[in-house]
Amino acid sequence: MLWDVSVKALILSGGLGRRLRPITDYLPKPLVPIDGIPIIEWQIRYFKKFGIKDFVICSGYRSDQISNHLSQKNLNVDIQFSIEKTSLGTGGAIKNARKFLDEDAFYVINGDVMTNLDLKKLGMQKNSIAVVPLRTAFGIVHLMGNKVEKFEEKPKLSNYWINAGLYYLEKEIIKLLPKIGNIETTVFPKLAAMNNLHAVKYEKVFWHSIDSHKDIEECTKEMKAVEYDDFLSIK
C-alpha cells in the first residue's frame, strides 16, 4: 500500500480534563502546555511531520478557545471544527464529524496523546490501532527468597499491550458508531469479533497520555531526552 498524505486526521478534543484541574477550569485540555506549547499544537506538528495537513478538531468544552488559539497560529494546515453541544464520547465524536470525512480512510488521535511513533507503519492497513507495551505505574521489587535482590522502576511488561489512542480507520465503520459512546467499547469489540481489527506494535517509542499533573512533568522530561522538537522539524 502506498503512503497516502491526502487523508485527514481527527483530533478528539472534547474532554473536560477533570484530573488536570485547576488548569482545565479555565483552559481546555488541548491547550494545556507541554514544555511551553499546547498539546494540540504538538499533535498538529506531529502529523505534519508525516505530510498530513488536513485536520478535523472534534471539540466541545471551551471549543471557542481552541478555535481562537489555532486561528492565531500560522500552522500552514487546513482545520475544520466539529462541535459537540454535549459530551458524545470518542465514538459519538467521530460519528458527529462524518460530514467532514471525504476519503476512504482517516486517522484518529486522542486529544491527550503525545508520541513519535511511525505514522506510516500504522497507515499500511485500514482499521488498525497503535499499541505500546504496558508499563507499570509502580516500581517493582525483585526478591530472592525473602531477601531483596534489586529494584526496577516502572518496568514494561512483556506480552502486555495497551491502546495508544491512535487509529487508522476506514470510513465504512462510521455506520457502526454510536451517537453517544466510546469507539473502544462499542465498535472495536465488533471489529475484533469480525477479525477486522489490526494491531500495530510499537515497542521503543516516545508515548505519553496526559491525564494528570505528573504526566505533564514526566512527558516534558522525556521530550527533552528524545529531542522531540528536533524530531518534528520538517527537513
Foldseek 3Di string as FASTA:
>chain_A
DDDDQAAEEEEEQADQLVQAPPVSVPPGQQQPDQVHGGLVLLVCLLSVLVNHAEYEYQYEVPVVVVVVVVVPDPSVGHYHYQYDPDAFAALLSVLSCLVVGDDQKHKYAYSQKHWNDDVRLQPPAAQEFEKEFQWDPAKDFDDDVPHTDDIGGRDTDPPHIDTQRMHMHGSVCSVQGDNGDYCVPGVVVVCVVVVNHHYDYDYDILMFGPNHPVSSVVSSVVCVVVVVVVSSDHD
